[in-house]
């Protein structure tokens, strides 16, 4: 019973009121020290991870994409694509001439 009265009294005194923070010179010094420690740890972790790298996992899809990109780069650099298109156009023209000659020879 006394516990219930005690907790009710405590709730009435504390409930709805903001918790206050001690702002003494000692607490300010502790907060500043914690900020410095946090900053030092952050920079320490950064320096450790700066020189390292994440290994890349190679899988068949990545290898295929790499090869395709390299082939495309080679084609673009060497102008092979233009030659292929030009050769294809010549082949179509030649086929067209052959069809025309066959058509004229039949008549």
Protein backbone atom coordinates (compact mmCIF):
# COMPACT_ATOMS: atom_id res chain seq x y z
CA UNK A 1 0.00 0.00 0.00
CA UNK A 2 2.75 2.43 0.85
CA UNK A 3 4.44 1.50 -2.43
CA UNK A 4 1.34 2.53 -4.36
CA UNK A 5 1.13 5.82 -2.50
CA UNK A 6 4.83 6.41 -3.05
CA UNK A 7 4.63 5.73 -6.80
CA UNK A 8 1.50 7.89 -7.15
CA UNK A 9 3.23 10.72 -5.33
CA UNK A 10 6.32 10.31 -7.50
CA UNK A 11 4.24 10.31 -10.70
CA UNK A 12 2.47 13.50 -9.67
CA UNK A 13 5.76 15.24 -8.93
CA UNK A 14 7.63 14.11 -12.07
CA UNK A 15 5.05 13.37 -14.73
CA UNK A 16 4.75 16.07 -17.40
CA UNK A 17 7.85 17.92 -16.29
CA UNK A 18 11.00 18.13 -18.37
CA UNK A 19 14.11 16.46 -17.08
CA UNK A 20 16.74 19.00 -16.28
CA UNK A 21 20.36 18.65 -17.32
CA UNK A 22 23.12 19.63 -15.00
CA UNK A 23 25.02 22.51 -16.54
CA UNK A 24 27.89 22.76 -14.17
CA UNK A 25 31.46 23.56 -15.23
CA UNK A 26 32.39 19.93 -14.57
CA UNK A 27 29.57 18.63 -16.82
CA UNK A 28 30.57 21.09 -19.58
CA UNK A 29 34.16 19.83 -19.34
CA UNK A 30 32.98 16.21 -19.55
CA UNK A 31 30.84 16.98 -22.64
CA UNK A 32 33.77 18.69 -24.38
CA UNK A 33 36.06 15.77 -23.52
CA UNK A 34 33.53 13.30 -24.93
CA UNK A 35 33.31 15.33 -28.16
CA UNK A 36 37.10 15.27 -28.48
CA UNK A 37 37.27 11.54 -27.81
CA UNK A 38 34.55 10.90 -30.38
CA UNK A 39 36.36 13.02 -32.98
CA UNK A 40 39.67 11.27 -32.31
CA UNK A 41 38.04 7.83 -32.65
CA UNK A 42 36.31 8.89 -35.87
CA UNK A 43 39.58 10.08 -37.42
CA UNK A 44 41.39 6.99 -36.19
CA UNK A 45 38.83 4.73 -37.87
CA UNK A 46 38.95 6.86 -41.00
CA UNK A 47 42.75 6.60 -41.21
CA UNK A 48 42.58 2.82 -40.77
CA UNK A 49 40.02 2.40 -43.53
CA UNK A 50 41.53 5.00 -45.88
CA UNK A 51 44.18 2.69 -47.29
CA UNK A 52 41.97 -0.36 -47.57
CA UNK A 53 39.55 -1.25 -50.32
CA UNK A 54 36.55 -3.45 -50.75
CA UNK A 55 37.37 -6.53 -52.82
CA UNK A 56 35.28 -6.89 -55.93
CA UNK A 57 33.52 -10.18 -56.38
CA UNK A 58 33.86 -11.51 -59.90
CA UNK A 59 31.00 -13.50 -61.27
CA UNK A 60 30.16 -14.65 -64.80
CA UNK A 61 27.74 -11.81 -65.44
CA UNK A 62 30.26 -9.15 -64.40
CA UNK A 63 32.96 -10.78 -66.53
CA UNK A 64 30.61 -10.89 -69.54
CA UNK A 65 29.68 -7.23 -69.11
CA UNK A 66 33.36 -6.27 -68.78
CA UNK A 67 34.22 -8.17 -71.95
CA UNK A 68 31.32 -6.60 -73.85
CA UNK A 69 32.33 -3.12 -72.72
CA UNK A 70 35.93 -3.76 -73.76
CA UNK A 71 34.78 -5.07 -77.15
CA UNK A 72 32.53 -2.06 -77.63
CA UNK A 73 35.37 0.25 -76.66
CA UNK A 74 37.70 -1.45 -79.15
CA UNK A 75 35.07 -1.24 -81.88
CA UNK A 76 34.50 2.45 -81.22
CA UNK A 77 38.21 3.24 -81.03
CA UNK A 78 39.20 1.35 -84.16
CA UNK A 79 36.19 2.33 -86.22
CA UNK A 80 35.32 -1.30 -86.88
CA UNK A 81 31.63 -0.56 -86.57
CA UNK A 82 31.75 1.93 -89.43
CA UNK A 83 33.49 -0.62 -91.64
CA UNK A 84 30.95 -3.31 -90.76
CA UNK A 85 28.06 -1.00 -91.60
CA UNK A 86 29.75 0.00 -94.85
CA UNK A 87 30.40 -3.65 -95.76
CA UNK A 88 26.77 -4.51 -94.98
CA UNK A 89 25.58 -1.65 -97.19
CA UNK A 90 27.82 -2.87 -100.03
CA UNK A 91 26.48 -6.41 -99.61
CA UNK A 92 22.89 -5.18 -99.78
CA UNK A 93 23.73 -3.12 -102.89
CA UNK A 94 25.40 -6.15 -104.48
CA UNK A 95 22.41 -8.36 -103.66
CA UNK A 96 20.11 -5.73 -105.14
CA UNK A 97 22.21 -5.63 -108.34
CA UNK A 98 22.18 -9.44 -108.57
CA UNK A 99 18.40 -9.50 -108.21
CA UNK A 100 18.04 -6.79 -110.83
CA UNK A 101 20.34 -8.68 -113.25
CA UNK A 102 18.36 -11.91 -112.68
CA UNK A 103 15.10 -10.07 -113.26
CA UNK A 104 16.42 -8.46 -116.47
CA UNK A 105 17.92 -11.76 -117.70
CA UNK A 106 14.60 -13.55 -117.27
CA UNK A 107 12.73 -10.99 -119.38
